[in-house]
C-alpha atoms as a PDB file:
ATOM      1  CA  UNK A   1    -114.538 -77.022 -47.126  1.00  0.00           C
ATOM      2  CA  UNK A   2    -113.121 -73.690 -48.290  1.00  0.00           C
ATOM      3  CA  UNK A   3    -109.532 -72.966 -47.277  1.00  0.00           C
ATOM      4  CA  UNK A   4    -108.414 -69.549 -46.008  1.00  0.00           C
ATOM      5  CA  UNK A   5    -105.084 -67.771 -46.080  1.00  0.00           C
ATOM      6  CA  UNK A   6    -102.846 -67.206 -43.045  1.00  0.00           C
ATOM      7  CA  UNK A   7    -103.800 -63.567 -43.125  1.00  0.00           C
ATOM      8  CA  UNK A   8    -107.551 -64.382 -43.050  1.00  0.00           C
ATOM      9  CA  UNK A   9    -106.970 -66.824 -40.218  1.00  0.00           C
ATOM     10  CA  UNK A  10    -105.103 -64.150 -38.166  1.00  0.00           C
ATOM     11  CA  UNK A  11    -107.996 -61.778 -38.732  1.00  0.00           C
ATOM     12  CA  UNK A  12    -110.451 -64.425 -37.675  1.00  0.00           C
ATOM     13  CA  UNK A  13    -108.485 -64.995 -34.466  1.00  0.00           C
ATOM     14  CA  UNK A  14    -108.580 -61.272 -33.665  1.00  0.00           C
ATOM     15  CA  UNK A  15    -112.365 -61.142 -34.284  1.00  0.00           C
ATOM     16  CA  UNK A  16    -112.891 -64.187 -32.042  1.00  0.00           C
ATOM     17  CA  UNK A  17    -111.046 -62.387 -29.204  1.00  0.00           C
ATOM     18  CA  UNK A  18    -113.081 -59.254 -29.751  1.00  0.00           C
ATOM     19  CA  UNK A  19    -116.319 -61.196 -29.669  1.00  0.00           C
ATOM     20  CA  UNK A  20    -115.218 -63.218 -26.659  1.00  0.00           C
ATOM     21  CA  UNK A  21    -114.778 -60.058 -24.554  1.00  0.00           C
ATOM     22  CA  UNK A  22    -117.859 -58.163 -25.870  1.00  0.00           C
ATOM     23  CA  UNK A  23    -120.229 -61.009 -25.187  1.00  0.00           C
ATOM     24  CA  UNK A  24    -119.326 -62.087 -21.580  1.00  0.00           C
ATOM     25  CA  UNK A  25    -122.752 -63.486 -20.950  1.00  0.00           C
ATOM     26  CA  UNK A  26    -122.276 -65.982 -23.763  1.00  0.00           C
ATOM     27  CA  UNK A  27    -118.519 -66.582 -23.561  1.00  0.00           C
ATOM     28  CA  UNK A  28    -117.897 -66.545 -19.799  1.00  0.00           C
ATOM     29  CA  UNK A  29    -114.969 -64.197 -20.395  1.00  0.00           C
ATOM     30  CA  UNK A  30    -113.738 -61.367 -18.182  1.00  0.00           C
ATOM     31  CA  UNK A  31    -114.792 -57.803 -18.964  1.00  0.00           C
ATOM     32  CA  UNK A  32    -114.295 -54.197 -17.834  1.00  0.00           C
ATOM     33  CA  UNK A  33    -117.257 -53.290 -15.620  1.00  0.00           C
ATOM     34  CA  UNK A  34    -116.275 -49.873 -14.397  1.00  0.00           C
ATOM     35  CA  UNK A  35    -113.701 -47.075 -14.134  1.00  0.00           C
ATOM     36  CA  UNK A  36    -112.516 -44.548 -11.615  1.00  0.00           C
ATOM     37  CA  UNK A  37    -110.269 -41.600 -11.043  1.00  0.00           C
ATOM     38  CA  UNK A  38    -109.073 -38.927 -13.453  1.00  0.00           C
ATOM     39  CA  UNK A  39    -108.657 -39.508 -17.196  1.00  0.00           C
ATOM     40  CA  UNK A  40    -105.295 -38.809 -18.993  1.00  0.00           C
ATOM     41  CA  UNK A  41    -104.812 -36.994 -22.306  1.00  0.00           C
ATOM     42  CA  UNK A  42    -105.701 -40.292 -24.108  1.00  0.00           C
ATOM     43  CA  UNK A  43    -109.008 -40.639 -22.224  1.00  0.00           C
ATOM     44  CA  UNK A  44    -107.713 -43.609 -20.099  1.00  0.00           C
ATOM     45  CA  UNK A  45    -108.933 -43.685 -16.457  1.00  0.00           C
ATOM     46  CA  UNK A  46    -106.608 -44.084 -13.505  1.00  0.00           C
ATOM     47  CA  UNK A  47    -108.466 -47.251 -12.422  1.00  0.00           C
ATOM     48  CA  UNK A  48    -110.488 -49.935 -14.192  1.00  0.00           C
ATOM     49  CA  UNK A  49    -112.692 -52.533 -12.586  1.00  0.00           C
ATOM     50  CA  UNK A  50    -112.656 -56.000 -14.109  1.00  0.00           C
ATOM     51  CA  UNK A  51    -115.285 -58.729 -13.515  1.00  0.00           C
ATOM     52  CA  UNK A  52    -113.977 -62.275 -13.990  1.00  0.00           C
ATOM     53  CA  UNK A  53    -117.250 -63.410 -15.669  1.00  0.00           C
ATOM     54  CA  UNK A  54    -120.892 -62.454 -15.902  1.00  0.00           C
ATOM     55  CA  UNK A  55    -122.831 -63.145 -12.732  1.00  0.00           C
ATOM     56  CA  UNK A  56    -119.758 -63.323 -10.446  1.00  0.00           C
ATOM     57  CA  UNK A  57    -119.830 -61.037  -7.423  1.00  0.00           C
ATOM     58  CA  UNK A  58    -116.112 -60.414  -7.561  1.00  0.00           C
ATOM     59  CA  UNK A  59    -114.289 -57.382  -9.018  1.00  0.00           C
ATOM     60  CA  UNK A  60    -110.572 -56.822  -9.537  1.00  0.00           C
ATOM     61  CA  UNK A  61    -109.172 -53.287  -9.477  1.00  0.00           C
ATOM     62  CA  UNK A  62    -106.295 -52.358 -11.750  1.00  0.00           C
ATOM     63  CA  UNK A  63    -104.419 -49.077 -11.349  1.00  0.00           C
ATOM     64  CA  UNK A  64    -102.590 -47.395 -14.166  1.00  0.00           C
ATOM     65  CA  UNK A  65     -98.811 -46.937 -13.953  1.00  0.00           C
ATOM     66  CA  UNK A  66     -96.907 -44.596 -16.178  1.00  0.00           C
ATOM     67  CA  UNK A  67     -94.058 -46.619 -17.722  1.00  0.00           C
ATOM     68  CA  UNK A  68     -92.835 -44.261 -20.406  1.00  0.00           C
ATOM     69  CA  UNK A  69     -93.063 -44.650 -24.137  1.00  0.00           C
ATOM     70  CA  UNK A  70     -94.244 -47.804 -25.813  1.00  0.00           C
ATOM     71  CA  UNK A  71     -91.373 -50.201 -26.763  1.00  0.00           C
ATOM     72  CA  UNK A  72     -89.043 -49.147 -23.960  1.00  0.00           C
END
């Protein structure tokens, strides 16, 4: 079996996470299923709707809060 570097493994982990959330019908993962409200200067909506997994009839609503600059 071929060995990989720590850097390659970290990239692999990121790609797995991306796949996990872009293929909810295969992974059973949560996913963003809608948006609402106004969009800010970055294009982010005031509200996002999150479905816990494909086929579930439940939706969670998350509202954006302005918390200042990143890292504070």
